Amino acid sequence: MRPSTREIIQAALRGDETVPVKVAEAILGLLDGRVPSDLQGPLLLNMKDAARLLGVGKTWFWEQVTADRTRLPKFIQPVEINPGDYRYRRQDIEAFASRLSTYAPKRRKQKVKRKNGVGN
């Protein structure tokens, strides 16, 4: 990369107050050849590591893999790397976690008791 290109990127990052400091530091780190720690690690995870990344147990994770998805967002699909040997894409797990953070279950309508004792 030319030094002038790097200077342009640095100036753009300094001049844009909407860019969070951590993001600007990560971008500049990439320009220096440093990989952020959250991008390090294996791309494919076994079930134990995938469950740990989500902060859940292996049993819950396996139930979600095999369940029929009707209420929650579509779960992570395994990748078969050898016959009967499955792994899960790290990016799929992270994407699923971000979808869950925006998922809001439907609220049930609560019955309201009225003075005469009759609900709606």
N, C-alpha and C. Protein backbone atom coordinates (compact mmCIF):
# COMPACT_ATOMS: atom_id res chain seq x y z
N MET A 1 0.85 -1.17 0.00
CA MET A 1 0.00 0.00 0.00
C MET A 1 0.90 1.24 0.00
N ARG A 2 0.51 2.18 -0.78
CA ARG A 2 1.26 3.44 -0.84
C ARG A 2 1.07 4.23 0.44
N PRO A 3 2.09 4.94 0.85
CA PRO A 3 1.95 5.77 2.07
C PRO A 3 0.83 6.80 1.93
N SER A 4 0.63 7.32 0.74
CA SER A 4 -0.43 8.32 0.57
C SER A 4 -1.82 7.71 0.79
N THR A 5 -1.99 6.45 0.39
CA THR A 5 -3.28 5.77 0.61
C THR A 5 -3.54 5.61 2.10
N ARG A 6 -2.51 5.20 2.82
CA ARG A 6 -2.64 5.04 4.27
C ARG A 6 -2.99 6.37 4.93
N GLU A 7 -2.35 7.45 4.50
CA GLU A 7 -2.62 8.78 5.06
C GLU A 7 -4.06 9.20 4.79
N ILE A 8 -4.57 8.89 3.60
CA ILE A 8 -5.96 9.23 3.25
C ILE A 8 -6.92 8.48 4.17
N ILE A 9 -6.66 7.19 4.39
CA ILE A 9 -7.53 6.39 5.26
C ILE A 9 -7.48 6.91 6.70
N GLN A 10 -6.28 7.21 7.18
CA GLN A 10 -6.15 7.76 8.53
C GLN A 10 -6.89 9.08 8.68
N ALA A 11 -6.76 9.95 7.68
CA ALA A 11 -7.45 11.24 7.73
C ALA A 11 -8.96 11.06 7.71
N ALA A 12 -9.43 10.11 6.91
CA ALA A 12 -10.87 9.85 6.84
C ALA A 12 -11.39 9.35 8.18
N LEU A 13 -10.63 8.47 8.82
CA LEU A 13 -11.05 7.94 10.12
C LEU A 13 -11.05 9.02 11.20
N ARG A 14 -10.05 9.88 11.17
CA ARG A 14 -9.99 10.97 12.16
C ARG A 14 -11.10 11.98 11.93
N GLY A 15 -11.46 12.20 10.68
CA GLY A 15 -12.46 13.22 10.36
C GLY A 15 -13.90 12.77 10.51
N ASP A 16 -14.12 11.46 10.71
CA ASP A 16 -15.49 10.94 10.80
C ASP A 16 -15.78 10.57 12.25
N GLU A 17 -16.54 11.42 12.94
CA GLU A 17 -16.83 11.17 14.35
C GLU A 17 -17.83 10.04 14.56
N THR A 18 -18.45 9.55 13.49
CA THR A 18 -19.40 8.44 13.63
C THR A 18 -18.69 7.08 13.71
N VAL A 19 -17.39 7.05 13.40
CA VAL A 19 -16.63 5.80 13.48
C VAL A 19 -16.15 5.63 14.92
N PRO A 20 -16.58 4.55 15.58
CA PRO A 20 -16.14 4.32 16.96
C PRO A 20 -14.61 4.15 17.01
N VAL A 21 -14.04 4.52 18.13
CA VAL A 21 -12.58 4.48 18.29
C VAL A 21 -12.06 3.05 18.09
N LYS A 22 -12.75 2.06 18.63
CA LYS A 22 -12.30 0.67 18.49
C LYS A 22 -12.28 0.25 17.03
N VAL A 23 -13.26 0.68 16.26
CA VAL A 23 -13.32 0.33 14.84
C VAL A 23 -12.15 0.99 14.11
N ALA A 24 -11.91 2.25 14.40
CA ALA A 24 -10.80 2.96 13.75
C ALA A 24 -9.48 2.29 14.10
N GLU A 25 -9.30 1.90 15.36
CA GLU A 25 -8.07 1.22 15.76
C GLU A 25 -7.92 -0.12 15.07
N ALA A 26 -9.03 -0.85 14.91
CA ALA A 26 -8.99 -2.15 14.23
C ALA A 26 -8.60 -1.97 12.76
N ILE A 27 -9.17 -0.95 12.11
CA ILE A 27 -8.84 -0.70 10.71
C ILE A 27 -7.37 -0.35 10.56
N LEU A 28 -6.89 0.53 11.40
CA LEU A 28 -5.47 0.89 11.33
C LEU A 28 -4.57 -0.30 11.66
N GLY A 29 -5.02 -1.15 12.58
CA GLY A 29 -4.27 -2.36 12.89
C GLY A 29 -4.18 -3.30 11.71
N LEU A 30 -5.29 -3.43 10.97
CA LEU A 30 -5.27 -4.26 9.76
C LEU A 30 -4.29 -3.71 8.74
N LEU A 31 -4.24 -2.39 8.63
CA LEU A 31 -3.29 -1.78 7.69
C LEU A 31 -1.86 -2.09 8.09
N ASP A 32 -1.62 -2.27 9.39
CA ASP A 32 -0.28 -2.61 9.88
C ASP A 32 -0.02 -4.12 9.86
N GLY A 33 -1.05 -4.89 9.47
CA GLY A 33 -0.87 -6.34 9.40
C GLY A 33 -1.28 -7.08 10.66
N ARG A 34 -1.90 -6.38 11.61
CA ARG A 34 -2.36 -7.04 12.84
C ARG A 34 -3.79 -7.52 12.65
N VAL A 35 -4.05 -8.75 13.05
CA VAL A 35 -5.39 -9.32 12.95
C VAL A 35 -6.06 -9.18 14.31
N PRO A 36 -7.29 -8.61 14.36
CA PRO A 36 -7.98 -8.49 15.65
C PRO A 36 -8.19 -9.85 16.30
N SER A 37 -8.15 -9.89 17.62
CA SER A 37 -8.25 -11.15 18.34
C SER A 37 -9.56 -11.87 18.07
N ASP A 38 -10.65 -11.13 17.82
CA ASP A 38 -11.93 -11.79 17.58
C ASP A 38 -12.00 -12.45 16.20
N LEU A 39 -11.03 -12.16 15.33
CA LEU A 39 -10.97 -12.81 14.03
C LEU A 39 -9.99 -13.98 14.03
N GLN A 40 -9.31 -14.18 15.13
CA GLN A 40 -8.37 -15.28 15.24
C GLN A 40 -9.11 -16.52 15.74
N GLY A 41 -8.55 -17.66 15.45
CA GLY A 41 -9.14 -18.91 15.90
C GLY A 41 -9.65 -19.70 14.73
N PRO A 42 -10.12 -20.91 15.01
CA PRO A 42 -10.57 -21.79 13.93
C PRO A 42 -11.84 -21.28 13.25
N LEU A 43 -11.95 -21.56 11.98
CA LEU A 43 -13.15 -21.18 11.23
C LEU A 43 -14.26 -22.21 11.41
N LEU A 44 -13.88 -23.47 11.64
CA LEU A 44 -14.84 -24.54 11.88
C LEU A 44 -14.68 -25.02 13.31
N LEU A 45 -15.81 -25.18 14.01
CA LEU A 45 -15.80 -25.57 15.41
C LEU A 45 -16.54 -26.88 15.60
N ASN A 46 -16.07 -27.71 16.55
CA ASN A 46 -16.84 -28.89 16.89
C ASN A 46 -18.02 -28.45 17.76
N MET A 47 -18.90 -29.40 18.08
CA MET A 47 -20.12 -29.03 18.80
C MET A 47 -19.81 -28.44 20.17
N LYS A 48 -18.83 -28.99 20.86
CA LYS A 48 -18.49 -28.48 22.20
C LYS A 48 -18.04 -27.02 22.13
N ASP A 49 -17.15 -26.71 21.19
CA ASP A 49 -16.65 -25.34 21.06
C ASP A 49 -17.72 -24.39 20.54
N ALA A 50 -18.58 -24.89 19.64
CA ALA A 50 -19.66 -24.06 19.12
C ALA A 50 -20.64 -23.70 20.24
N ALA A 51 -20.97 -24.69 21.07
CA ALA A 51 -21.88 -24.44 22.20
C ALA A 51 -21.24 -23.46 23.17
N ARG A 52 -19.95 -23.61 23.42
CA ARG A 52 -19.25 -22.71 24.34
C ARG A 52 -19.26 -21.28 23.81
N LEU A 53 -19.07 -21.13 22.50
CA LEU A 53 -19.08 -19.80 21.89
C LEU A 53 -20.44 -19.12 22.08
N LEU A 54 -21.51 -19.90 22.02
CA LEU A 54 -22.86 -19.35 22.24
C LEU A 54 -23.20 -19.22 23.72
N GLY A 55 -22.43 -19.88 24.57
CA GLY A 55 -22.71 -19.83 26.00
C GLY A 55 -23.83 -20.76 26.41
N VAL A 56 -23.96 -21.89 25.71
CA VAL A 56 -25.01 -22.86 26.01
C VAL A 56 -24.36 -24.23 26.18
N GLY A 57 -25.16 -25.19 26.61
CA GLY A 57 -24.67 -26.55 26.77
C GLY A 57 -24.72 -27.32 25.47
N LYS A 58 -23.96 -28.44 25.41
CA LYS A 58 -23.95 -29.27 24.20
C LYS A 58 -25.32 -29.87 23.92
N THR A 59 -26.04 -30.25 24.98
CA THR A 59 -27.35 -30.85 24.79
C THR A 59 -28.31 -29.87 24.13
N TRP A 60 -28.35 -28.63 24.64
CA TRP A 60 -29.23 -27.61 24.04
C TRP A 60 -28.81 -27.37 22.59
N PHE A 61 -27.51 -27.29 22.35
CA PHE A 61 -27.01 -27.03 21.00
C PHE A 61 -27.49 -28.13 20.05
N TRP A 62 -27.32 -29.40 20.45
CA TRP A 62 -27.72 -30.51 19.60
C TRP A 62 -29.23 -30.52 19.38
N GLU A 63 -29.99 -30.21 20.41
CA GLU A 63 -31.45 -30.14 20.25
C GLU A 63 -31.84 -29.11 19.20
N GLN A 64 -31.13 -27.98 19.17
CA GLN A 64 -31.43 -26.94 18.20
C GLN A 64 -31.03 -27.36 16.78
N VAL A 65 -29.94 -28.10 16.66
CA VAL A 65 -29.49 -28.57 15.35
C VAL A 65 -30.52 -29.52 14.76
N THR A 66 -31.10 -30.38 15.60
CA THR A 66 -32.01 -31.42 15.11
C THR A 66 -33.48 -31.00 15.15
N ALA A 67 -33.80 -29.86 15.75
CA ALA A 67 -35.21 -29.46 15.93
C ALA A 67 -35.79 -28.87 14.64
N ASP A 68 -37.10 -28.95 14.57
CA ASP A 68 -37.84 -28.29 13.50
C ASP A 68 -37.99 -26.83 13.88
N ARG A 69 -37.50 -25.93 13.06
CA ARG A 69 -37.51 -24.51 13.39
C ARG A 69 -38.86 -23.89 13.04
N THR A 70 -39.63 -23.60 14.07
CA THR A 70 -40.89 -22.92 13.83
C THR A 70 -40.95 -21.58 14.55
N ARG A 71 -40.30 -21.46 15.72
CA ARG A 71 -40.39 -20.23 16.49
C ARG A 71 -39.11 -19.40 16.43
N LEU A 72 -37.97 -20.04 16.57
CA LEU A 72 -36.69 -19.33 16.59
C LEU A 72 -36.14 -19.18 15.18
N PRO A 73 -35.18 -18.28 14.98
CA PRO A 73 -34.54 -18.18 13.67
C PRO A 73 -33.88 -19.50 13.30
N LYS A 74 -33.70 -19.71 12.02
CA LYS A 74 -33.06 -20.94 11.54
C LYS A 74 -31.71 -21.12 12.24
N PHE A 75 -31.49 -22.33 12.71
CA PHE A 75 -30.26 -22.60 13.45
C PHE A 75 -29.12 -22.92 12.49
N ILE A 76 -27.97 -23.12 13.04
CA ILE A 76 -26.74 -23.35 12.31
C ILE A 76 -26.76 -24.72 11.64
N GLN A 77 -26.37 -24.77 10.38
CA GLN A 77 -26.30 -26.03 9.66
C GLN A 77 -24.88 -26.60 9.76
N PRO A 78 -24.75 -27.88 10.09
CA PRO A 78 -23.42 -28.46 10.21
C PRO A 78 -22.77 -28.68 8.84
N VAL A 79 -21.43 -28.76 8.86
CA VAL A 79 -20.65 -29.08 7.67
C VAL A 79 -20.02 -30.44 7.94
N GLU A 80 -20.27 -31.40 7.05
CA GLU A 80 -19.71 -32.74 7.24
C GLU A 80 -18.33 -32.77 6.60
N ILE A 81 -17.28 -32.84 7.43
CA ILE A 81 -15.92 -32.81 6.89
C ILE A 81 -15.39 -34.21 6.59
N ASN A 82 -15.91 -35.21 7.28
CA ASN A 82 -15.67 -36.63 7.04
C ASN A 82 -16.99 -37.32 7.30
N PRO A 83 -17.19 -38.53 6.79
CA PRO A 83 -18.46 -39.22 7.06
C PRO A 83 -18.74 -39.30 8.57
N GLY A 84 -19.84 -38.68 8.99
CA GLY A 84 -20.25 -38.68 10.39
C GLY A 84 -19.50 -37.70 11.28
N ASP A 85 -18.61 -36.90 10.72
CA ASP A 85 -17.81 -35.93 11.49
C ASP A 85 -18.22 -34.52 11.08
N TYR A 86 -18.92 -33.83 11.97
CA TYR A 86 -19.50 -32.53 11.65
C TYR A 86 -18.77 -31.39 12.36
N ARG A 87 -18.76 -30.25 11.71
CA ARG A 87 -18.25 -29.02 12.28
C ARG A 87 -19.25 -27.91 11.97
N TYR A 88 -19.09 -26.80 12.67
CA TYR A 88 -20.00 -25.66 12.52
C TYR A 88 -19.18 -24.43 12.19
N ARG A 89 -19.64 -23.67 11.20
CA ARG A 89 -18.92 -22.46 10.78
C ARG A 89 -19.01 -21.39 11.87
N ARG A 90 -17.88 -20.85 12.24
CA ARG A 90 -17.84 -19.80 13.26
C ARG A 90 -18.71 -18.61 12.85
N GLN A 91 -18.65 -18.22 11.57
CA GLN A 91 -19.43 -17.07 11.12
C GLN A 91 -20.92 -17.35 11.21
N ASP A 92 -21.36 -18.60 11.00
CA ASP A 92 -22.77 -18.95 11.14
C ASP A 92 -23.22 -18.83 12.59
N ILE A 93 -22.35 -19.25 13.51
CA ILE A 93 -22.68 -19.17 14.94
C ILE A 93 -22.79 -17.72 15.37
N GLU A 94 -21.86 -16.89 14.93
CA GLU A 94 -21.89 -15.47 15.29
C GLU A 94 -23.10 -14.78 14.67
N ALA A 95 -23.45 -15.14 13.42
CA ALA A 95 -24.62 -14.56 12.78
C ALA A 95 -25.90 -14.98 13.51
N PHE A 96 -25.98 -16.26 13.92
CA PHE A 96 -27.14 -16.74 14.66
C PHE A 96 -27.29 -15.97 15.97
N ALA A 97 -26.18 -15.77 16.66
CA ALA A 97 -26.22 -15.04 17.93
C ALA A 97 -26.71 -13.61 17.72
N SER A 98 -26.30 -12.98 16.64
CA SER A 98 -26.75 -11.61 16.41
C SER A 98 -28.23 -11.58 16.04
N ARG A 99 -28.73 -12.60 15.33
CA ARG A 99 -30.17 -12.68 15.02
C ARG A 99 -30.96 -12.89 16.30
N LEU A 100 -30.43 -13.71 17.21
CA LEU A 100 -31.14 -13.95 18.47
C LEU A 100 -31.25 -12.69 19.29
N SER A 101 -30.24 -11.84 19.22
CA SER A 101 -30.28 -10.62 20.02
C SER A 101 -31.37 -9.67 19.54
N THR A 102 -31.83 -9.84 18.29
CA THR A 102 -32.92 -9.01 17.79
C THR A 102 -34.26 -9.74 17.82
N TYR A 103 -34.26 -11.02 18.21
CA TYR A 103 -35.47 -11.81 18.26
C TYR A 103 -36.27 -11.47 19.50
N ALA A 104 -37.53 -11.21 19.32
CA ALA A 104 -38.41 -10.93 20.46
C ALA A 104 -39.63 -11.84 20.35
N PRO A 105 -39.82 -12.72 21.31
CA PRO A 105 -40.98 -13.60 21.25
C PRO A 105 -42.27 -12.81 21.33
N LYS A 106 -43.32 -13.35 20.71
CA LYS A 106 -44.62 -12.69 20.74
C LYS A 106 -45.17 -12.75 22.16
N ARG A 107 -45.70 -11.64 22.60
CA ARG A 107 -46.30 -11.59 23.94
C ARG A 107 -47.74 -12.06 23.86
N ARG A 108 -48.12 -12.78 24.87
CA ARG A 108 -49.50 -13.23 24.94
C ARG A 108 -50.35 -12.12 25.52
N LYS A 109 -51.55 -12.03 25.01
CA LYS A 109 -52.47 -11.03 25.53
C LYS A 109 -52.95 -11.47 26.90
N GLN A 110 -52.78 -10.61 27.88
CA GLN A 110 -53.18 -10.95 29.24
C GLN A 110 -54.63 -10.55 29.46
N LYS A 111 -55.29 -11.39 30.23
CA LYS A 111 -56.68 -11.08 30.57
C LYS A 111 -56.70 -9.97 31.61
N VAL A 112 -57.60 -9.04 31.42
CA VAL A 112 -57.74 -7.92 32.35
C VAL A 112 -59.00 -8.16 33.17
N LYS A 113 -58.83 -8.14 34.48
CA LYS A 113 -59.99 -8.33 35.33
C LYS A 113 -60.68 -6.98 35.51
N ARG A 114 -61.96 -7.01 35.34
CA ARG A 114 -62.74 -5.78 35.50
C ARG A 114 -63.45 -5.82 36.84
N LYS A 115 -64.00 -4.69 37.19
CA LYS A 115 -64.68 -4.58 38.50
C LYS A 115 -65.76 -5.61 38.68
N ASN A 116 -66.48 -5.94 37.61
CA ASN A 116 -67.55 -6.90 37.74
C ASN A 116 -67.06 -8.36 37.70
N GLY A 117 -65.70 -8.54 37.63
CA GLY A 117 -65.11 -9.87 37.69
C GLY A 117 -65.05 -10.58 36.34
N VAL A 118 -65.44 -9.91 35.27
CA VAL A 118 -65.43 -10.54 33.96
C VAL A 118 -64.19 -10.08 33.20
N GLY A 119 -63.47 -11.03 32.60
CA GLY A 119 -62.29 -10.69 31.80
C GLY A 119 -62.68 -10.43 30.37
N ASN A 120 -61.73 -10.01 29.52
CA ASN A 120 -62.05 -9.76 28.10
C ASN A 120 -61.75 -10.93 27.25
